[in-house]
Protein backbone atom coordinates (compact mmCIF):
# COMPACT_ATOMS: atom_id res chain seq x y z
CA MET A 1 -0.46 10.46 13.42
CA PHE A 2 -1.17 7.06 11.83
CA ASN A 3 0.81 5.28 14.59
CA ASP A 4 -0.63 7.50 17.39
CA GLY A 5 -4.09 6.82 16.25
CA ASN A 6 -3.39 3.02 16.15
CA TYR A 7 -5.03 2.75 12.70
CA TRP A 8 -3.21 -0.43 11.65
CA GLN A 9 -4.14 -2.10 14.97
CA ARG A 10 -7.76 -0.96 14.59
CA ALA A 11 -7.87 -2.32 11.00
CA GLN A 12 -7.29 -5.74 12.53
CA THR A 13 -10.58 -5.47 14.43
CA PRO A 14 -14.19 -4.98 13.31
CA GLU A 15 -13.85 -1.28 13.83
CA PHE A 16 -12.27 -0.76 10.43
CA ARG A 17 -13.03 -2.58 7.22
CA GLN A 18 -10.27 -3.13 4.70
CA ASN A 19 -11.01 -2.57 1.05
CA ILE A 20 -8.36 -3.58 -1.44
CA LEU A 21 -8.16 -0.80 -3.99
CA LYS A 22 -5.24 -2.12 -6.03
CA ASP A 23 -3.55 -5.52 -6.00
CA GLY A 24 -0.61 -5.96 -8.13
CA HIS A 25 1.50 -8.86 -8.95
CA PRO A 26 4.40 -9.18 -9.01
CA SER A 27 5.87 -6.64 -6.68
CA PRO A 28 8.30 -4.26 -8.29
CA PRO A 29 11.88 -5.89 -8.43
CA LEU A 30 13.41 -2.97 -6.46
CA ALA A 31 11.09 -3.75 -3.49
CA ASP A 32 13.41 -6.68 -2.64
CA GLU A 33 10.49 -8.88 -1.66
CA PRO A 34 10.12 -12.61 -2.10
CA PHE A 35 8.56 -13.95 -5.27
CA CYS A 36 4.66 -13.69 -5.38
CA THR A 37 4.65 -10.71 -2.92
CA ARG A 38 1.62 -8.54 -3.65
CA SER A 39 1.81 -4.80 -3.89
CA GLN A 40 -1.51 -3.43 -2.46
CA ILE A 41 -3.26 -0.18 -1.91
CA ILE A 42 -5.87 -0.62 0.80
CA ALA A 43 -8.54 1.68 2.23
CA TYR A 44 -9.50 1.64 5.94
CA VAL A 45 -13.31 2.31 6.26
CA ASP A 46 -15.11 2.92 9.58
CA ARG A 47 -18.36 1.55 10.52
CA TYR A 48 -20.29 4.59 9.06
CA GLY A 49 -18.57 4.01 5.64
CA ASN A 50 -16.11 6.87 6.07
CA GLN A 51 -12.65 6.17 4.45
CA VAL A 52 -10.29 7.07 7.24
CA ALA A 53 -6.92 5.91 5.68
CA ILE A 54 -5.29 4.65 2.54
CA VAL A 55 -2.14 2.55 2.97
CA HIS A 56 0.39 0.77 0.69
CA GLN A 57 1.73 -2.62 1.72
CA TYR A 58 3.72 -5.50 0.32
CA LEU A 59 1.75 -8.65 1.29
CA ARG A 60 4.12 -11.58 1.20
CA PRO A 61 3.00 -15.11 0.28
CA ASP A 62 3.19 -16.15 3.97
CA GLN A 63 0.68 -13.25 4.73
CA THR A 64 3.15 -11.17 6.52
CA ILE A 65 3.74 -7.51 5.51
CA GLY A 66 7.20 -6.85 3.84
CA ALA A 67 9.53 -3.82 3.97
CA SER A 68 9.07 -2.30 7.49
CA GLY A 69 6.55 -5.00 8.51
CA ARG A 70 3.74 -2.33 8.74
CA PRO A 71 1.52 -0.65 6.19
CA ASP A 72 2.85 2.70 4.72
CA PRO A 73 0.13 5.30 5.19
CA LYS A 74 -0.52 7.53 2.14
CA GLU A 75 -3.71 9.32 3.16
CA LEU A 76 -5.12 9.90 6.62
CA LEU A 77 -8.28 11.61 7.99
CA TYR A 78 -7.27 12.70 11.33
CA ASN A 79 -9.30 15.03 13.45
CA LEU A 80 -11.42 15.83 10.48
CA GLU A 81 -8.39 16.96 8.34
CA LEU A 82 -7.15 14.95 5.34
CA TYR A 83 -3.47 14.53 5.17
CA VAL A 84 -1.84 13.29 1.91
CA VAL A 85 1.64 12.14 1.29
CA MET A 86 2.92 13.82 -1.87
CA ASP A 87 5.32 12.00 -4.23
CA PRO A 88 8.59 13.77 -4.54
CA GLU A 89 9.22 15.12 -8.11
């Protein structure tokens, strides 16, 4: 749904504002990312102030996104339904 709705691409335009909710340093060693990579939780907010997605990403020092190269969606408002990724226990 996140990919089909082009949320990440839309967050690169003025359509969505990106609010950094958490910005950790350093990234966990198990992430296998370069030194000084940031672990971030980011909210995508539409022009009306509605939070439409929450993503996690590893932002590398060169400003590229680590791991898969794309943000990992954790929450998504899609067709007025809120979808949340649950952590496995």
